[in-house]
Amino acid sequence: MRWALLSQVWVEEPDVVVSGSNVQVYYIARELAHRGESVLVLLSGHPSAWERIEGNLHVVSVPALGAGLRGWLHPRWMRRAEEALRSFAPDVVYQRGKLPETILASRYARRYDALFVWCSNADNSARPWKYVRKRLRYRRHPLWLLPARLAEAALADYAIQSALRRADLVIAQTRRQQQTLQAVLGKEPVILGSGHPLPPPPQFHNAASSSTTVLWLANLTPTKQPLVFLRLAHRLQHTDAHFLMVGAAPNAELLALVQRKAAHLENFTYAGAAAFHETARFFAAAHLFVLTSEFEFEGIPNTLIQACLYGVPTLSLRNDPDRIIQTYAIGAVAADEEELSELTYTWITDPERRHIAGQNAYDLARRQFDIRVIVDRLSELVRQRLRRG
C-alpha cells in the first residue's frame, strides 16, 4: 500500500516549531516505513523546497507561497502540492487537523480515487468557523485590516468544512471529539489515540532526592498559557522545587513578558527552545509535569503522552482528555490556579505518591500509547475501507 501523509514540518529538521500533529505524522510515517509500506510525507511549512529519500520513506517539502492562510490557499501552491502527490500516486492520503491541507487531501482523493483519512487534532476541530473565531479572539493591529482578514478566514473555513465532509474515514482522539464531529459532519468517527515509540522502562527517582523538578514543556503561545506556570512558580517559592520551562517562543511579545516576570524568580528557569528529540531528556529528569493548555485547542497532548512514557505524574489545569488522568491515577486535575498551586505543593512533598502515579503512567503508556498499536489499528481501518470501496 502507498501512503501520503500531509504535515507542515519534519521534526528532525533544526529550528522548526513543532506541533503535536507534526509529531504524530512523523511517528506514523516512520512506523509505516519500518513495516515496508511506501510512504510520502508532504511538507508545507519549511521555507525552502527539498526532498529526502530513506529507503521506502520519501519526504518532500513544497513551501507555502507566503505567510498565513493565503500561502496555503494560493492556487499555485495547491497545484505544486498536487503534482507531488500525483507523482507518488498514493492509495491513502492522511491528514490531521482543520487546515488548508485538508482541501488538498480531499481534492486529490476525489480526483485520483484515493482514500482520504482525516484525523481530528483538537477539541475545536469539529467546531465550524475555526479561523474566523481565531481572528476575532487574537485581533492584530491595525484593526482596519480585520474585515479583510475575517473574509479570508471565512473563505478558508467554508472550503475546509466542505472538504471534511468528503473524508472517507474520520478519526477522533477522544470521545468528546467523536461526539462533536458526528454532530457537525454527520459521520461516525472512529476513536484512535496518539502514539510514540516506547522507551526503556523509566528509572524512578529516589524518594530521598532533595530537590523536585517541576516541568512545563510546550510552545510559548497564548493557548498554552505559560504565564500560569510562572505564577505557580511564584506561589511556591518557599518549597525546594525548581520550575523548569522549555519551549520555542514564536510569539516575541509573550516571550518578553515571560522573561520580564521571571527575572527575579530564583526557583524558575526558562531553558529556551529544544528540538523535539531533545525533549526526552527533560521528561527523564522531571519529577512532575504541569499541563496548562486550554483544552479547546488540545486533543491528547503529546507532552502528556511523553510524561507517561517516562513515568512522570501530570498535574493539569482543567484539561483531562477522556478523564485519563483521573481514571488511571497518573496525576491530578485542578479546577483553577489556586487548586493547581495546592495540588503541586502536595505532590512536591509526597514522593511516594509521585512514585505510584509514575508507575501507573508508564503502564498506561505501554497499553495505549505504543505507536505500534496505533499503526496496527490505523492500517486495519484503512484496509477495511479499501475493501468496501
Protein backbone atom coordinates (compact mmCIF):
# COMPACT_ATOMS: atom_id res chain seq x y z
CA MET A 1 0.00 0.00 0.00
CA ARG A 2 1.18 3.54 -0.76
CA TRP A 3 0.60 6.22 1.87
CA ALA A 4 0.84 10.00 1.62
CA LEU A 5 0.80 11.94 4.89
CA LEU A 6 0.45 15.73 4.92
CA SER A 7 2.21 17.84 7.51
CA GLN A 8 3.82 21.24 7.98
CA VAL A 9 7.31 20.37 9.24
CA TRP A 10 9.59 17.35 9.59
CA VAL A 11 10.54 17.21 13.24
CA GLU A 12 14.12 16.12 12.53
CA GLU A 13 14.86 19.44 10.86
CA PRO A 14 16.56 22.07 13.05
CA ASP A 15 14.91 25.35 14.03
CA VAL A 16 11.32 24.34 13.31
CA VAL A 17 8.35 24.97 15.57
CA VAL A 18 6.77 21.56 16.11
CA SER A 19 3.11 20.89 16.84
CA GLY A 20 1.52 17.71 18.15
CA SER A 21 0.15 16.88 14.70
CA ASN A 22 3.66 17.11 13.20
CA VAL A 23 4.92 14.66 15.84
CA GLN A 24 2.18 12.15 15.13
CA VAL A 25 2.67 12.29 11.36
CA TYR A 26 6.39 11.74 11.92
CA TYR A 27 5.94 8.68 14.11
CA ILE A 28 3.19 7.15 11.94
CA ALA A 29 5.30 7.65 8.80
CA ARG A 30 8.37 6.11 10.44
CA GLU A 31 6.43 3.11 11.69
CA LEU A 32 4.71 2.51 8.33
CA ALA A 33 8.03 2.72 6.51
CA HIS A 34 9.59 0.34 9.06
CA ARG A 35 6.86 -2.16 8.14
CA GLY A 36 7.76 -1.97 4.45
CA GLU A 37 4.97 0.35 3.29
CA SER A 38 5.77 3.02 0.67
CA VAL A 39 5.38 6.39 2.38
CA LEU A 40 5.41 10.00 1.18
CA VAL A 41 5.38 12.86 3.69
CA LEU A 42 4.46 16.14 2.01
CA LEU A 43 5.50 19.23 3.99
CA SER A 44 4.21 22.77 3.55
CA GLY A 45 5.84 24.69 6.40
CA HIS A 46 9.55 24.73 5.55
CA PRO A 47 10.94 27.88 3.92
CA SER A 48 12.62 26.06 1.02
CA ALA A 49 11.91 23.17 -1.32
CA TRP A 50 13.84 19.95 -0.71
CA GLU A 51 13.38 16.21 -0.73
CA ARG A 52 14.91 13.26 1.04
CA ILE A 53 14.60 9.55 0.34
CA GLU A 54 15.36 6.95 3.01
CA GLY A 55 14.51 3.53 1.67
CA ASN A 56 10.76 3.49 1.15
CA LEU A 57 10.24 6.79 3.05
CA HIS A 58 10.11 9.85 0.79
CA VAL A 59 9.95 13.31 2.43
CA VAL A 60 9.21 16.30 0.17
CA SER A 61 9.00 19.98 1.13
CA VAL A 62 6.70 22.15 -1.03
CA PRO A 63 6.80 25.55 0.70
CA ALA A 64 3.62 27.56 1.01
CA LEU A 65 3.63 30.70 -1.15
CA GLY A 66 3.59 33.26 1.63
CA ALA A 67 2.73 33.50 5.31
CA GLY A 68 -0.59 32.66 6.87
CA LEU A 69 -3.68 31.23 5.23
CA ARG A 70 -3.12 32.81 1.84
CA GLY A 71 0.16 30.95 1.43
CA TRP A 72 -1.58 27.57 1.64
CA LEU A 73 -4.72 28.62 -0.20
CA HIS A 74 -2.74 30.00 -3.14
CA PRO A 75 -3.80 28.10 -6.31
CA ARG A 76 -0.17 27.77 -7.43
CA TRP A 77 0.79 26.06 -4.15
CA MET A 78 -2.18 23.71 -4.43
CA ARG A 79 -1.10 22.76 -7.96
CA ARG A 80 2.50 22.15 -6.93
CA ALA A 81 1.47 20.05 -3.94
CA GLU A 82 -1.00 18.07 -6.03
CA GLU A 83 1.72 17.37 -8.61
CA ALA A 84 3.95 15.98 -5.86
CA LEU A 85 1.14 13.70 -4.73
CA ARG A 86 0.32 12.63 -8.26
CA SER A 87 3.92 11.63 -8.98
CA PHE A 88 3.85 9.35 -5.93
CA ALA A 89 0.32 8.01 -6.64
CA PRO A 90 -0.78 7.12 -3.07
CA ASP A 91 -3.64 4.79 -2.27
CA VAL A 92 -4.22 6.66 1.00
CA VAL A 93 -3.94 10.36 1.86
CA TYR A 94 -3.76 11.02 5.61
CA GLN A 95 -4.08 14.49 7.13
CA ARG A 96 -4.53 15.82 10.68
CA GLY A 97 -6.34 18.93 11.83
CA LYS A 98 -8.57 21.53 10.26
CA LEU A 99 -6.05 23.13 7.91
CA PRO A 100 -5.81 24.27 4.28
CA GLU A 101 -4.08 20.93 3.60
CA THR A 102 -7.48 19.36 4.26
CA ILE A 103 -8.65 20.88 0.97
CA LEU A 104 -5.64 19.43 -0.86
CA ALA A 105 -6.17 15.95 0.60
CA SER A 106 -9.87 15.92 -0.25
CA ARG A 107 -9.36 17.23 -3.79
CA TYR A 108 -6.59 14.76 -4.59
CA ALA A 109 -8.53 11.78 -3.19
CA ARG A 110 -11.61 12.71 -5.19
CA ARG A 111 -9.74 13.24 -8.47
CA TYR A 112 -7.45 10.22 -8.30
CA ASP A 113 -9.57 7.68 -6.42
CA ALA A 114 -7.51 7.58 -3.23
CA LEU A 115 -8.82 7.05 0.32
CA PHE A 116 -8.97 10.31 2.31
CA VAL A 117 -8.27 9.77 6.02
CA TRP A 118 -8.74 12.78 8.26
CA CYS A 119 -7.84 12.90 11.95
CA SER A 120 -9.00 15.47 14.46
CA ASN A 121 -6.16 17.08 16.40
CA ALA A 122 -8.04 19.20 18.97
CA ASP A 123 -11.42 19.61 20.60
CA ASN A 124 -12.14 22.64 18.41
CA SER A 125 -11.56 20.66 15.20
CA ALA A 126 -15.25 19.87 14.95
CA ARG A 127 -16.47 23.40 15.52
CA PRO A 128 -17.28 25.42 12.40
CA TRP A 129 -15.63 28.76 11.61
CA LYS A 130 -12.35 27.89 13.32
CA TYR A 131 -10.29 30.58 11.62
CA VAL A 132 -12.95 33.28 11.93
CA ARG A 133 -13.12 32.66 15.68
CA LYS A 134 -9.32 32.76 15.95
CA ARG A 135 -9.18 36.08 14.06
CA LEU A 136 -11.76 37.56 16.41
CA ARG A 137 -10.05 36.26 19.51
CA TYR A 138 -6.48 37.24 18.55
CA ARG A 139 -7.05 40.55 16.78
CA ARG A 140 -3.94 42.10 15.29
CA HIS A 141 -3.20 45.72 14.65
CA PRO A 142 -4.08 47.66 12.58
CA LEU A 143 -7.73 46.88 13.23
CA TRP A 144 -8.83 48.31 9.90
CA LEU A 145 -7.42 45.14 8.31
CA LEU A 146 -9.76 42.95 10.38
CA PRO A 147 -12.63 42.82 7.80
CA ALA A 148 -10.26 41.57 5.09
CA ARG A 149 -8.71 39.03 7.45
CA LEU A 150 -12.15 37.81 8.51
CA ALA A 151 -13.21 37.41 4.87
CA GLU A 152 -10.09 35.36 4.14
CA ALA A 153 -10.73 33.23 7.24
CA ALA A 154 -14.39 32.67 6.33
CA LEU A 155 -13.40 31.50 2.84
CA ALA A 156 -10.88 29.06 4.31
CA ASP A 157 -13.36 27.77 6.91
CA TYR A 158 -16.04 27.14 4.29
CA ALA A 159 -13.66 25.32 1.94
CA ILE A 160 -12.13 23.21 4.73
CA GLN A 161 -15.52 22.26 6.15
CA SER A 162 -16.72 21.21 2.68
CA ALA A 163 -13.57 19.12 2.20
CA LEU A 164 -14.06 17.42 5.58
CA ARG A 165 -17.49 16.21 4.60
CA ARG A 166 -15.88 14.19 1.80
CA ALA A 167 -13.47 12.32 4.07
CA ASP A 168 -13.71 8.53 3.68
CA LEU A 169 -12.50 7.84 7.22
CA VAL A 170 -12.77 10.31 10.12
CA ILE A 171 -10.66 9.66 13.22
CA ALA A 172 -11.14 11.27 16.64
CA GLN A 173 -8.67 11.18 19.51
CA THR A 174 -11.26 11.31 22.31
CA ARG A 175 -14.93 10.58 22.96
CA ARG A 176 -15.63 14.31 23.17
CA GLN A 177 -14.20 14.80 19.68
CA GLN A 178 -16.13 11.80 18.41
CA GLN A 179 -19.44 13.23 19.63
CA THR A 180 -18.89 16.73 18.29
CA LEU A 181 -17.59 15.54 14.92
CA GLN A 182 -20.58 13.25 14.48
CA ALA A 183 -22.95 16.12 15.22
CA VAL A 184 -21.25 18.51 12.80
CA LEU A 185 -20.24 16.19 9.95
CA GLY A 186 -22.96 13.56 10.13
CA LYS A 187 -20.29 10.85 10.06
CA GLU A 188 -19.37 8.18 12.60
CA PRO A 189 -15.76 8.91 13.62
CA VAL A 190 -13.53 6.14 14.91
CA ILE A 191 -11.58 6.78 18.12
CA LEU A 192 -7.86 6.26 17.73
CA GLY A 193 -5.41 7.84 20.14
CA SER A 194 -1.89 9.06 19.61
CA GLY A 195 1.29 7.04 19.88
CA HIS A 196 5.05 7.23 20.45
CA PRO A 197 7.83 4.65 20.38
CA LEU A 198 8.22 3.12 23.81
CA PRO A 199 11.48 3.96 25.59
CA PRO A 200 13.01 1.52 28.12
CA PRO A 201 11.19 1.41 31.48
CA PRO A 202 11.90 4.59 33.44
CA GLN A 203 14.28 4.72 36.36
CA PHE A 204 12.06 6.20 39.04
CA HIS A 205 13.63 8.94 41.12
CA ASN A 206 14.97 8.24 44.56
CA ALA A 207 12.37 9.27 47.13
CA ALA A 208 15.12 10.88 49.21
CA SER A 209 16.01 13.36 46.45
CA SER A 210 16.48 16.81 47.99
CA SER A 211 15.03 18.79 45.10
CA THR A 212 11.98 18.32 42.91
CA THR A 213 11.94 19.36 39.24
CA VAL A 214 8.55 20.57 38.00
CA LEU A 215 8.48 20.68 34.19
CA TRP A 216 6.41 22.72 31.74
CA LEU A 217 7.09 21.96 28.08
CA ALA A 218 5.24 23.46 25.11
CA ASN A 219 5.47 26.24 22.56
CA LEU A 220 5.09 29.61 24.30
CA THR A 221 1.75 30.64 22.80
CA PRO A 222 -1.38 32.11 24.43
CA THR A 223 -3.30 28.83 24.16
CA LYS A 224 -0.59 27.00 26.16
CA GLN A 225 -0.85 29.61 28.98
CA PRO A 226 2.81 29.75 30.06
CA LEU A 227 2.07 32.62 32.46
CA VAL A 228 0.04 30.20 34.59
CA PHE A 229 3.21 28.19 35.18
CA LEU A 230 5.13 31.34 36.06
CA ARG A 231 2.52 32.29 38.64
CA LEU A 232 2.69 28.75 40.03
CA ALA A 233 6.46 29.07 40.48
CA HIS A 234 5.95 32.42 42.21
CA ARG A 235 3.41 30.97 44.64
CA LEU A 236 5.67 28.05 45.56
CA GLN A 237 8.94 29.90 46.10
CA HIS A 238 9.00 28.62 49.68
CA THR A 239 9.40 24.99 48.55
CA ASP A 240 12.56 23.17 47.47
CA ALA A 241 11.14 22.64 43.98
CA HIS A 242 12.63 24.08 40.81
CA PHE A 243 10.28 25.07 37.99
CA LEU A 244 11.65 24.45 34.50
CA MET A 245 10.02 25.87 31.35
CA VAL A 246 11.06 24.54 27.93
CA GLY A 247 9.73 25.51 24.53
CA ALA A 248 10.07 27.57 21.38
CA ALA A 249 8.72 31.11 21.53
CA PRO A 250 7.12 32.07 18.21
CA ASN A 251 5.36 34.96 19.97
CA ALA A 252 8.08 37.56 20.73
CA GLU A 253 5.77 39.68 22.86
CA LEU A 254 4.82 36.76 25.07
CA LEU A 255 8.47 35.69 25.37
CA ALA A 256 9.45 39.17 26.55
CA LEU A 257 6.68 39.08 29.16
CA VAL A 258 7.80 35.67 30.44
CA GLN A 259 11.42 36.81 30.70
CA ARG A 260 10.47 40.01 32.50
CA LYS A 261 8.27 38.26 35.06
CA ALA A 262 10.86 35.51 35.61
CA ALA A 263 13.78 37.87 36.17
CA HIS A 264 13.55 37.76 39.99
CA LEU A 265 12.33 34.17 40.41
CA GLU A 266 15.23 32.11 41.76
CA ASN A 267 13.23 28.87 41.59
CA PHE A 268 12.41 29.26 37.86
CA THR A 269 14.40 28.66 34.66
CA TYR A 270 13.36 29.17 31.07
CA ALA A 271 15.62 26.82 29.09
CA GLY A 272 14.54 28.11 25.67
CA ALA A 273 13.61 26.04 22.66
CA ALA A 274 14.55 22.38 22.37
CA ALA A 275 14.49 20.20 19.27
CA PHE A 276 11.80 17.56 19.60
CA HIS A 277 14.28 14.71 20.02
CA GLU A 278 15.91 16.61 22.88
CA THR A 279 12.70 16.86 24.89
CA ALA A 280 13.00 13.29 26.18
CA ARG A 281 15.87 14.24 28.48
CA PHE A 282 13.74 16.88 30.19
CA PHE A 283 10.99 14.36 30.92
CA ALA A 284 13.53 11.77 32.06
CA ALA A 285 14.85 14.25 34.66
CA ALA A 286 11.48 15.61 35.82
CA HIS A 287 9.53 14.66 38.94
CA LEU A 288 6.26 16.36 37.93
CA PHE A 289 4.81 17.65 34.67
CA VAL A 290 2.38 20.59 34.64
CA LEU A 291 -0.10 20.93 31.78
CA THR A 292 -1.77 24.34 31.38
CA SER A 293 -3.02 24.20 27.77
CA GLU A 294 -6.56 25.36 27.04
CA PHE A 295 -8.47 22.14 26.42
CA GLU A 296 -10.34 23.55 23.39
CA PHE A 297 -7.06 23.59 21.46
CA GLU A 298 -5.86 20.14 22.50
CA GLY A 299 -6.72 16.56 21.81
CA ILE A 300 -4.46 14.20 23.72
CA PRO A 301 -1.35 16.37 24.17
CA ASN A 302 1.89 14.75 23.05
CA THR A 303 3.51 16.10 26.20
CA LEU A 304 1.02 14.17 28.34
CA ILE A 305 1.99 11.02 26.46
CA GLN A 306 5.70 11.80 26.91
CA ALA A 307 5.18 12.27 30.63
CA CYS A 308 3.58 8.82 30.76
CA LEU A 309 6.41 7.28 28.72
CA TYR A 310 8.92 8.50 31.31
CA GLY A 311 6.83 7.72 34.37
CA VAL A 312 6.19 11.36 35.31
CA PRO A 313 2.89 12.29 37.02
CA THR A 314 0.85 15.05 35.36
CA LEU A 315 -0.83 17.94 37.16
CA SER A 316 -3.28 19.64 34.83
CA LEU A 317 -5.32 22.82 34.87
CA ARG A 318 -8.87 21.81 33.83
CA ASN A 319 -7.63 19.65 30.96
CA ASP A 320 -8.22 15.89 31.24
CA PRO A 321 -8.93 14.30 27.83
CA ASP A 322 -11.40 11.44 28.31
CA ARG A 323 -10.59 11.69 32.03
CA ILE A 324 -7.44 9.59 31.59
CA ILE A 325 -5.50 11.47 34.28
CA GLN A 326 -8.11 10.74 36.93
CA THR A 327 -9.25 7.33 35.67
CA TYR A 328 -5.76 5.84 35.56
CA ALA A 329 -4.43 7.76 38.61
CA ILE A 330 -1.50 9.26 36.72
CA GLY A 331 -1.75 12.68 38.39
CA ALA A 332 -4.43 15.19 39.30
CA VAL A 333 -6.63 17.85 37.69
CA ALA A 334 -7.22 21.29 39.18
CA ALA A 335 -10.30 23.42 38.63
CA ASP A 336 -8.42 26.73 38.94
CA GLU A 337 -4.97 28.15 39.56
CA GLU A 338 -5.34 28.19 43.33
CA GLU A 339 -6.15 24.48 43.39
CA LEU A 340 -3.29 23.81 40.97
CA SER A 341 -0.94 25.51 43.43
CA GLU A 342 -2.27 23.43 46.33
CA LEU A 343 -2.02 20.20 44.36
CA THR A 344 1.52 20.95 43.21
CA TYR A 345 2.63 21.61 46.78
CA THR A 346 1.06 18.33 47.92
CA TRP A 347 2.78 16.33 45.17
CA ILE A 348 6.14 18.07 45.70
CA THR A 349 6.12 16.98 49.33
CA ASP A 350 4.87 13.40 48.73
CA PRO A 351 7.47 11.33 46.79
CA GLU A 352 5.59 8.09 47.43
CA ARG A 353 2.51 9.45 45.68
CA ARG A 354 4.68 10.53 42.74
CA HIS A 355 6.24 7.08 42.55
CA ILE A 356 2.89 5.26 42.42
CA ALA A 357 1.41 7.67 39.85
CA GLY A 358 4.58 7.42 37.76
CA GLN A 359 4.31 3.63 37.62
CA ASN A 360 0.64 3.95 36.65
CA ALA A 361 1.61 6.40 33.90
CA TYR A 362 4.18 4.08 32.34
CA ASP A 363 1.77 1.13 32.48
CA LEU A 364 -0.81 3.27 30.66
CA ALA A 365 1.76 4.26 28.02
CA ARG A 366 2.53 0.61 27.30
CA ARG A 367 -1.16 -0.24 26.88
CA GLN A 368 -2.47 2.80 24.98
CA PHE A 369 0.34 4.97 23.60
CA ASP A 370 2.60 2.48 21.83
CA ILE A 371 2.93 3.67 18.21
CA ARG A 372 2.96 0.05 17.04
CA VAL A 373 -0.53 -0.48 18.46
CA ILE A 374 -1.78 2.78 16.92
CA VAL A 375 -0.45 1.92 13.46
CA ASP A 376 -1.84 -1.63 13.69
CA ARG A 377 -5.30 -0.19 14.25
CA LEU A 378 -4.94 2.55 11.62
CA SER A 379 -3.79 0.05 8.98
CA GLU A 380 -6.70 -2.24 9.71
CA LEU A 381 -9.22 0.62 9.50
CA VAL A 382 -7.78 1.70 6.15
CA ARG A 383 -7.84 -1.83 4.74
CA GLN A 384 -11.46 -2.24 5.81
CA ARG A 385 -12.44 0.96 3.97
CA LEU A 386 -10.49 -0.02 0.87
CA ARG A 387 -12.18 -3.44 0.76
CA ARG A 388 -15.58 -1.73 0.94
CA GLY A 389 -14.66 0.65 -1.87
